[in-house]
Amino acid sequence: MPLAEALRAPWSAETRRWTLALPAATAGLVLLAPLWPDALTGLFTFVGVLAIWTLAIGHAARLLLALASGARTAAERAGHDVPPGLVGRMIVLWLIALTPLTIAVAGSSPGLAAPLTGAIVLVVLPLATPVLARTVSLIDALDPLAWRATLVEVGINRHLRLTAILAVMVAGYALLALILAPLPGWASAALQMLYWVWVQFAWFWLVGAALAAPRDDGRAPRSSPAHQAFDVDAEFKRLMGEGGLPGEHRRLADALLWTGETERAIAHGQHHVTALLEGFGRAGEAVEAADRLIARVPEFQLPDTESMYRLIGASRRHGHPGLTIDLCRNYLAAFPRSFKRDEIRLLACEAAAEAGPGTGRRVAGWLGELMQAELADDQRTRLKRILPYLDGRP
């Protein structure tokens, strides 16, 4: 694992502003706290600290997810799309875990806080964080079966190194709190936050690199111990015929992809996504399921035009422009003569405009086709509205 690269990453141009701004915000928070009425000081401090931690974890999570997806350059990481709600779940996971750490460093009930900190931060987080990045589910992130699957993917040696590095970072934070105690409160708080933001960004960078490593090594999919605990054939037959819980569908999908059964994975994905989208009205879950599958099977699509069109619309509504473009690409590949082909091209271009700089090249061909097509008046208006963004102008 590139430890030296990870330690330098928080000071790169794409991250440096966060590395410096969050400690500065912490210092300002401490300096402003006395200006509030005594009754509001505690609330003001709590909300401020929560906001700073949220920003730190959120940026670190986006960095992790971009690296895990294979993004190697700053431009690729900036244009990476995150599954809906995943950053929020990562923030929740880490805020819960860091609560006993904060208590331990503050010295309140140290007898209880110390073991809680060790158990949650050093045992749960190195396992739950990569699982959450892979499954988009907080429930799965706390599932020992999912932990075992991730250990197989990441490798036990990488996992042990990640755990050891996190242990050193946490110990360094506790030691720094003692060393900085004589300093003024604002200076001590800012320096502690500077250290923690630095090492947290670095550790998340390492996790992202670890998740990308199996793909980079070119290793063939392996059967995971977590998937040997049930009969894949029986589960496939049962879930396709009777349905099941979301966790059961995720476990089957992971098992099929792990064992390289792409055709059955696609068949199951089509069945599951369509059921979520049309049968249960759970569009957000349908988008998440499609996103997980299309990351491993880029050609994934639903079997009919109407279902695919609804999935594309759901992807846009849930703020996932990269997935929307992928789905539009697959729609046009599967149904090249569809009467909605111009609308699909236009939806892809609108998604690219929403995604920001660097995404326009993905839809350049479709944009040219739209410029020559006979569009309805409202479609032509929508096209004119997004042209400046796709051209790179403000």
Protein backbone atom coordinates (compact mmCIF):
# COMPACT_ATOMS: atom_id res chain seq x y z
CA MET A 1 0.00 0.00 0.00
CA PRO A 2 1.36 3.45 -0.93
CA LEU A 3 1.70 4.87 2.61
CA ALA A 4 4.05 7.69 1.59
CA GLU A 5 1.68 8.66 -1.24
CA ALA A 6 -1.28 8.56 1.14
CA LEU A 7 0.46 10.82 3.66
CA ARG A 8 1.21 13.34 0.89
CA ALA A 9 -2.30 13.21 -0.57
CA PRO A 10 -3.97 15.55 2.00
CA TRP A 11 -1.54 18.27 0.93
CA SER A 12 -2.24 17.94 -2.78
CA ALA A 13 -4.01 20.74 -4.65
CA GLU A 14 -7.37 18.90 -4.66
CA THR A 15 -7.41 18.35 -0.87
CA ARG A 16 -5.15 20.97 0.69
CA ARG A 17 -7.92 23.53 1.11
CA TRP A 18 -9.86 21.05 3.29
CA THR A 19 -6.76 20.08 5.26
CA LEU A 20 -6.20 23.74 6.18
CA ALA A 21 -9.76 25.10 6.29
CA LEU A 22 -11.17 22.62 8.80
CA PRO A 23 -8.53 23.31 11.49
CA ALA A 24 -9.02 27.04 10.90
CA ALA A 25 -12.76 26.57 11.38
CA THR A 26 -12.07 24.68 14.60
CA ALA A 27 -9.94 27.53 15.95
CA GLY A 28 -12.66 30.02 15.03
CA LEU A 29 -15.26 27.87 16.75
CA VAL A 30 -13.31 27.85 20.01
CA LEU A 31 -12.63 31.60 19.84
CA LEU A 32 -16.28 32.45 19.18
CA ALA A 33 -17.77 30.11 21.76
CA PRO A 34 -17.38 32.59 24.71
CA LEU A 35 -19.32 35.24 22.78
CA TRP A 36 -22.50 33.18 22.98
CA PRO A 37 -24.78 33.26 26.02
CA ASP A 38 -23.80 30.63 28.56
CA ALA A 39 -26.98 28.67 27.91
CA LEU A 40 -26.14 28.37 24.20
CA THR A 41 -22.39 27.82 24.38
CA GLY A 42 -22.68 24.05 24.65
CA LEU A 43 -25.16 23.82 21.79
CA PHE A 44 -23.07 26.15 19.61
CA THR A 45 -19.93 24.09 20.21
CA PHE A 46 -21.70 20.79 19.60
CA VAL A 47 -23.26 21.90 16.32
CA GLY A 48 -19.98 23.42 15.16
CA VAL A 49 -17.91 20.35 15.94
CA LEU A 50 -20.52 18.11 14.31
CA ALA A 51 -20.43 20.22 11.15
CA ILE A 52 -16.62 20.12 10.98
CA TRP A 53 -16.49 16.36 11.49
CA THR A 54 -19.20 15.91 8.87
CA LEU A 55 -17.28 17.93 6.28
CA ALA A 56 -14.04 16.07 7.03
CA ILE A 57 -15.57 12.60 6.80
CA GLY A 58 -17.62 13.52 3.74
CA HIS A 59 -14.61 14.70 1.76
CA ALA A 60 -12.53 11.70 2.87
CA ALA A 61 -15.35 9.34 1.84
CA ARG A 62 -15.58 10.87 -1.65
CA LEU A 63 -11.83 10.48 -2.01
CA LEU A 64 -12.02 6.82 -0.95
CA LEU A 65 -14.87 6.01 -3.33
CA ALA A 66 -13.19 7.69 -6.29
CA LEU A 67 -9.95 5.78 -5.67
CA ALA A 68 -11.81 2.49 -5.20
CA SER A 69 -13.52 2.99 -8.56
CA GLY A 70 -10.12 3.15 -10.27
CA ALA A 71 -9.80 6.96 -10.63
CA ARG A 72 -6.09 7.74 -10.78
CA THR A 73 -5.92 11.45 -11.56
CA ALA A 74 -7.36 14.48 -9.79
CA ALA A 75 -9.63 15.16 -12.78
CA GLU A 76 -11.00 11.61 -12.71
CA ARG A 77 -11.61 11.81 -8.98
CA ALA A 78 -13.35 15.17 -9.33
CA GLY A 79 -15.71 13.75 -11.97
CA HIS A 80 -16.49 10.55 -10.07
CA ASP A 81 -20.15 9.97 -9.20
CA VAL A 82 -21.02 8.65 -5.75
CA PRO A 83 -24.04 6.34 -5.22
CA PRO A 84 -26.96 8.26 -3.67
CA GLY A 85 -26.75 8.49 0.11
CA LEU A 86 -23.43 6.65 0.40
CA VAL A 87 -21.43 9.61 1.72
CA GLY A 88 -24.16 10.28 4.30
CA ARG A 89 -24.01 6.66 5.49
CA MET A 90 -20.22 6.85 5.75
CA ILE A 91 -20.56 10.01 7.85
CA VAL A 92 -23.05 8.32 10.17
CA LEU A 93 -20.79 5.28 10.58
CA TRP A 94 -17.74 7.35 11.47
CA LEU A 95 -19.53 9.85 13.70
CA ILE A 96 -20.90 6.98 15.77
CA ALA A 97 -17.46 5.40 15.98
CA LEU A 98 -15.67 8.65 16.86
CA THR A 99 -17.99 9.47 19.78
CA PRO A 100 -16.17 7.19 22.26
CA LEU A 101 -12.83 8.42 20.89
CA THR A 102 -13.80 12.00 21.69
CA ILE A 103 -14.94 10.97 25.16
CA ALA A 104 -11.70 9.10 25.78
CA VAL A 105 -9.50 12.02 24.75
CA ALA A 106 -11.58 14.43 26.85
CA GLY A 107 -11.01 12.19 29.86
CA SER A 108 -14.69 11.70 30.70
CA SER A 109 -15.36 8.17 32.02
CA PRO A 110 -12.03 6.92 30.61
CA GLY A 111 -12.56 3.42 32.01
CA LEU A 112 -15.53 2.88 29.70
CA ALA A 113 -14.46 5.04 26.79
CA ALA A 114 -11.05 3.43 26.24
CA PRO A 115 -12.29 -0.11 25.47
CA LEU A 116 -15.19 1.26 23.44
CA THR A 117 -12.74 3.29 21.39
CA GLY A 118 -10.52 0.28 20.82
CA ALA A 119 -13.40 -2.00 19.85
CA ILE A 120 -15.19 0.39 17.53
CA VAL A 121 -12.35 2.34 15.94
CA LEU A 122 -9.78 -0.43 15.60
CA VAL A 123 -11.97 -3.49 15.07
CA VAL A 124 -15.16 -2.33 13.39
CA LEU A 125 -14.02 0.59 11.20
CA PRO A 126 -11.27 -1.19 9.21
CA LEU A 127 -13.88 -3.81 8.27
CA ALA A 128 -17.07 -1.74 8.07
CA THR A 129 -15.61 1.11 6.00
CA PRO A 130 -14.64 -0.95 2.92
CA VAL A 131 -17.84 -3.01 3.18
CA LEU A 132 -19.93 0.16 3.18
CA ALA A 133 -18.00 1.45 0.17
CA ARG A 134 -18.80 -1.78 -1.68
CA THR A 135 -22.39 -2.47 -0.63
CA VAL A 136 -23.84 1.02 0.03
CA SER A 137 -25.58 -0.46 3.08
CA LEU A 138 -25.02 0.37 6.76
CA ILE A 139 -26.63 -2.95 7.69
CA ASP A 140 -24.18 -4.88 5.52
CA ALA A 141 -21.31 -2.80 6.91
CA LEU A 142 -22.00 -4.33 10.33
CA ASP A 143 -22.55 -7.87 8.99
CA PRO A 144 -19.69 -10.32 9.80
CA LEU A 145 -20.44 -12.28 6.61
CA ALA A 146 -19.86 -9.15 4.56
CA TRP A 147 -16.65 -8.53 6.55
CA ARG A 148 -15.37 -11.95 5.54
CA ALA A 149 -16.12 -11.25 1.89
CA THR A 150 -14.21 -7.98 2.04
CA LEU A 151 -11.26 -9.67 3.75
CA VAL A 152 -11.08 -12.03 0.79
CA GLU A 153 -11.24 -9.15 -1.69
CA VAL A 154 -8.81 -6.82 0.07
CA GLY A 155 -6.54 -9.53 1.44
CA ILE A 156 -5.74 -10.27 5.08
CA ASN A 157 -2.29 -8.65 4.88
CA ARG A 158 -3.70 -5.38 3.55
CA HIS A 159 -6.41 -5.44 6.19
CA LEU A 160 -3.91 -5.96 9.00
CA ARG A 161 -1.79 -3.10 7.70
CA LEU A 162 -4.81 -0.82 7.50
CA THR A 163 -5.75 -1.71 11.08
CA ALA A 164 -2.19 -1.18 12.34
CA ILE A 165 -1.90 2.18 10.59
CA LEU A 166 -5.23 3.32 12.02
CA ALA A 167 -4.11 2.21 15.50
CA VAL A 168 -0.95 4.32 15.20
CA MET A 169 -2.97 7.30 14.00
CA VAL A 170 -5.45 7.06 16.89
CA ALA A 171 -2.62 6.68 19.42
CA GLY A 172 -0.92 9.71 17.89
CA TYR A 173 -4.10 11.74 18.27
CA ALA A 174 -4.42 10.82 21.95
CA LEU A 175 -0.74 11.61 22.57
CA LEU A 176 -0.98 14.92 20.75
CA ALA A 177 -3.94 15.93 22.95
CA LEU A 178 -1.72 15.50 26.02
CA ILE A 179 1.24 17.34 24.49
CA LEU A 180 -0.86 20.32 23.38
CA ALA A 181 -2.80 20.66 26.64
CA PRO A 182 -0.73 23.68 27.89
CA LEU A 183 -1.49 25.71 24.76
CA PRO A 184 -4.46 28.11 24.47
CA GLY A 185 -7.69 26.25 23.72
CA TRP A 186 -8.07 27.53 20.17
CA ALA A 187 -4.48 26.59 19.23
CA SER A 188 -4.71 23.14 20.81
CA ALA A 189 -8.04 22.40 19.11
CA ALA A 190 -6.81 23.63 15.70
CA LEU A 191 -3.60 21.57 15.83
CA GLN A 192 -5.47 18.44 16.92
CA MET A 193 -7.93 18.91 14.08
CA LEU A 194 -5.07 19.52 11.63
CA TYR A 195 -3.45 16.25 12.66
CA TRP A 196 -6.70 14.28 12.55
CA VAL A 197 -7.84 15.62 9.16
CA TRP A 198 -4.41 14.81 7.75
CA VAL A 199 -4.30 11.22 8.98
CA GLN A 200 -7.98 10.58 8.29
CA PHE A 201 -7.65 11.67 4.66
CA ALA A 202 -4.50 9.54 4.40
CA TRP A 203 -6.20 6.47 5.87
CA PHE A 204 -9.23 6.78 3.61
CA TRP A 205 -6.82 7.10 0.69
CA LEU A 206 -5.23 3.80 1.73
CA VAL A 207 -8.62 2.07 1.94
CA GLY A 208 -9.53 3.29 -1.54
CA ALA A 209 -6.21 2.04 -2.90
CA ALA A 210 -6.74 -1.32 -1.18
CA LEU A 211 -10.19 -1.74 -2.73
CA ALA A 212 -8.82 -0.87 -6.17
CA ALA A 213 -5.80 -3.15 -5.81
CA PRO A 214 -7.53 -6.46 -6.64
CA ARG A 215 -8.81 -4.93 -9.87
CA ASP A 216 -5.38 -3.53 -10.67
CA ASP A 217 -3.74 -6.89 -10.01
CA GLY A 218 -5.92 -8.43 -12.69
CA ARG A 219 -6.96 -11.30 -10.47
CA ALA A 220 -9.89 -13.46 -11.48
CA PRO A 221 -13.02 -13.42 -9.32
CA ARG A 222 -12.84 -15.83 -6.43
CA SER A 223 -15.48 -17.56 -4.42
CA SER A 224 -15.89 -15.76 -1.11
CA PRO A 225 -16.33 -17.66 2.18
CA ALA A 226 -19.34 -15.43 2.82
CA HIS A 227 -20.97 -16.87 -0.28
CA GLN A 228 -20.16 -20.47 0.62
CA ALA A 229 -22.49 -20.21 3.61
CA PHE A 230 -25.56 -20.67 1.37
CA ASP A 231 -26.55 -22.52 -1.78
CA VAL A 232 -26.25 -20.00 -4.63
CA ASP A 233 -28.36 -22.10 -7.01
CA ALA A 234 -31.13 -22.54 -4.46
CA GLU A 235 -31.07 -18.85 -3.51
CA PHE A 236 -31.19 -17.82 -7.16
CA LYS A 237 -34.24 -20.02 -7.77
CA ARG A 238 -35.99 -18.85 -4.60
CA LEU A 239 -35.40 -15.13 -5.01
CA MET A 240 -36.25 -15.13 -8.70
CA GLY A 241 -39.49 -16.98 -7.97
CA GLU A 242 -40.60 -15.71 -4.58
CA GLY A 243 -38.60 -12.55 -3.91
CA GLY A 244 -36.84 -11.79 -0.65
CA LEU A 245 -35.29 -9.19 1.60
CA PRO A 246 -32.96 -6.49 0.17
CA GLY A 247 -29.99 -7.98 2.03
CA GLU A 248 -30.67 -11.39 0.49
CA HIS A 249 -30.71 -9.91 -3.01
CA ARG A 250 -27.45 -8.05 -2.36
CA ARG A 251 -25.80 -11.21 -1.05
CA LEU A 252 -26.89 -13.22 -4.08
CA ALA A 253 -25.77 -10.49 -6.49
CA ASP A 254 -22.34 -10.34 -4.82
CA ALA A 255 -22.04 -14.14 -4.90
CA LEU A 256 -22.89 -14.35 -8.61
CA LEU A 257 -20.39 -11.62 -9.46
CA TRP A 258 -17.69 -13.14 -7.24
CA THR A 259 -18.01 -16.49 -8.99
CA GLY A 260 -18.06 -14.92 -12.46
CA GLU A 261 -21.64 -15.92 -13.32
CA THR A 262 -22.29 -12.73 -15.27
CA GLU A 263 -25.35 -13.97 -17.18
CA ARG A 264 -27.19 -15.02 -14.05
CA ALA A 265 -26.07 -11.82 -12.30
CA ILE A 266 -27.63 -9.79 -15.10
CA ALA A 267 -30.82 -11.88 -15.05
CA HIS A 268 -31.13 -11.47 -11.29
CA GLY A 269 -30.32 -7.76 -11.50
CA GLN A 270 -32.96 -7.18 -14.15
CA HIS A 271 -35.55 -9.00 -12.07
CA HIS A 272 -34.61 -7.27 -8.82
CA VAL A 273 -34.26 -3.72 -10.18
CA THR A 274 -37.52 -3.99 -12.12
CA ALA A 275 -39.34 -5.26 -9.03
CA LEU A 276 -38.00 -2.42 -6.89
CA LEU A 277 -38.78 0.18 -9.51
CA GLU A 278 -42.21 -0.93 -10.63
CA GLY A 279 -43.57 -3.42 -8.12
CA PHE A 280 -42.59 -1.74 -4.86
CA GLY A 281 -42.06 1.88 -5.91
CA ARG A 282 -38.61 1.97 -4.23
CA ALA A 283 -36.81 3.93 -6.93
CA GLY A 284 -33.87 4.91 -4.73
CA GLU A 285 -33.05 1.28 -3.94
CA ALA A 286 -33.47 0.37 -7.61
CA VAL A 287 -30.92 3.04 -8.55
CA GLU A 288 -28.46 1.81 -5.92
CA ALA A 289 -28.84 -1.80 -7.08
CA ALA A 290 -28.33 -0.79 -10.72
CA ASP A 291 -25.29 1.28 -9.81
CA ARG A 292 -23.64 -1.61 -7.94
CA LEU A 293 -24.26 -3.96 -10.84
CA ILE A 294 -23.24 -1.64 -13.66
CA ALA A 295 -19.93 -0.99 -11.87
CA ARG A 296 -19.11 -4.70 -12.36
CA VAL A 297 -21.10 -5.37 -15.55
CA PRO A 298 -20.93 -2.15 -17.62
CA GLU A 299 -23.38 -3.42 -20.26
CA PHE A 300 -26.19 -3.99 -17.73
CA GLN A 301 -29.65 -2.95 -18.90
CA LEU A 302 -33.29 -3.74 -18.24
CA PRO A 303 -35.02 -5.92 -20.85
CA ASP A 304 -37.61 -3.42 -22.13
CA THR A 305 -37.59 0.22 -23.15
CA GLU A 306 -40.20 1.48 -20.67
CA SER A 307 -38.49 0.00 -17.61
CA MET A 308 -35.12 1.28 -18.77
CA TYR A 309 -36.58 4.75 -19.38
CA ARG A 310 -38.06 4.82 -15.87
CA LEU A 311 -34.73 3.72 -14.38
CA ILE A 312 -32.93 6.51 -16.22
CA GLY A 313 -35.44 9.01 -14.87
CA ALA A 314 -35.03 7.67 -11.33
CA SER A 315 -31.26 7.90 -11.63
CA ARG A 316 -31.52 11.58 -12.61
CA ARG A 317 -33.98 12.39 -9.82
CA HIS A 318 -31.70 10.81 -7.25
CA GLY A 319 -28.72 12.91 -8.34
CA HIS A 320 -26.55 10.33 -10.06
CA PRO A 321 -25.49 11.86 -13.41
CA GLY A 322 -22.68 9.41 -14.14
CA LEU A 323 -24.98 6.43 -13.78
CA THR A 324 -27.59 8.23 -15.89
CA ILE A 325 -25.11 8.58 -18.74
CA ASP A 326 -24.13 4.91 -18.46
CA LEU A 327 -27.77 3.83 -18.53
CA CYS A 328 -28.47 6.05 -21.54
CA ARG A 329 -25.50 4.52 -23.33
CA ASN A 330 -26.81 1.02 -22.67
CA TYR A 331 -30.35 2.00 -23.68
CA LEU A 332 -29.15 3.31 -27.05
CA ALA A 333 -27.00 0.22 -27.58
CA ALA A 334 -29.91 -2.13 -26.85
CA PHE A 335 -32.69 -0.17 -28.56
CA PRO A 336 -31.05 1.87 -31.35
CA ARG A 337 -34.34 2.33 -33.23
CA SER A 338 -36.40 3.42 -30.23
CA PHE A 339 -38.62 6.41 -30.91
CA LYS A 340 -37.30 7.85 -27.65
CA ARG A 341 -33.67 7.80 -28.76
CA ASP A 342 -33.42 11.59 -29.08
CA GLU A 343 -34.96 12.03 -25.63
CA ILE A 344 -32.45 9.54 -24.21
CA ARG A 345 -29.56 11.41 -25.84
CA LEU A 346 -30.92 14.66 -24.43
CA LEU A 347 -31.24 13.19 -20.92
CA ALA A 348 -27.62 12.04 -21.12
CA CYS A 349 -26.49 15.50 -22.18
CA GLU A 350 -28.47 17.12 -19.37
CA ALA A 351 -26.86 14.72 -16.90
CA ALA A 352 -23.42 15.63 -18.26
CA ALA A 353 -24.20 19.33 -17.84
CA GLU A 354 -25.21 18.68 -14.23
CA ALA A 355 -22.08 16.63 -13.53
CA GLY A 356 -19.81 19.58 -14.24
CA PRO A 357 -16.48 20.06 -16.06
CA GLY A 358 -14.88 17.11 -17.80
CA THR A 359 -18.07 15.13 -18.41
CA GLY A 360 -19.11 16.74 -21.69
CA ARG A 361 -16.71 14.58 -23.68
CA ARG A 362 -18.75 11.50 -22.75
CA VAL A 363 -21.76 12.85 -24.63
CA ALA A 364 -20.04 14.74 -27.44
CA GLY A 365 -21.28 12.31 -30.11
CA TRP A 366 -24.86 12.42 -28.90
CA LEU A 367 -24.73 16.20 -28.70
CA GLY A 368 -23.73 16.38 -32.36
CA GLU A 369 -26.58 14.07 -33.31
CA LEU A 370 -29.04 16.18 -31.37
CA MET A 371 -27.88 19.33 -33.14
CA GLN A 372 -28.85 17.71 -36.46
CA ALA A 373 -32.05 16.00 -35.26
CA GLU A 374 -35.63 17.18 -35.67
CA LEU A 375 -36.50 17.92 -32.06
CA ALA A 376 -39.74 19.06 -30.51
CA ASP A 377 -39.83 22.69 -29.38
CA ASP A 378 -39.44 21.83 -25.69
CA GLN A 379 -36.51 19.52 -26.46
CA ARG A 380 -34.81 22.23 -28.50
CA THR A 381 -35.28 24.65 -25.59
CA ARG A 382 -33.73 22.18 -23.16
CA LEU A 383 -30.81 21.62 -25.51
CA LYS A 384 -30.11 25.35 -25.83
CA ARG A 385 -30.23 25.68 -22.04
CA ILE A 386 -27.41 23.16 -21.46
CA LEU A 387 -25.16 24.00 -24.42
CA PRO A 388 -23.10 26.60 -22.52
CA TYR A 389 -22.26 24.06 -19.81
CA LEU A 390 -21.30 21.36 -22.26
CA ASP A 391 -19.15 23.85 -24.18
CA GLY A 392 -17.23 24.59 -21.00
CA ARG A 393 -18.52 28.12 -20.56
CA PRO A 394 -20.00 29.34 -17.23
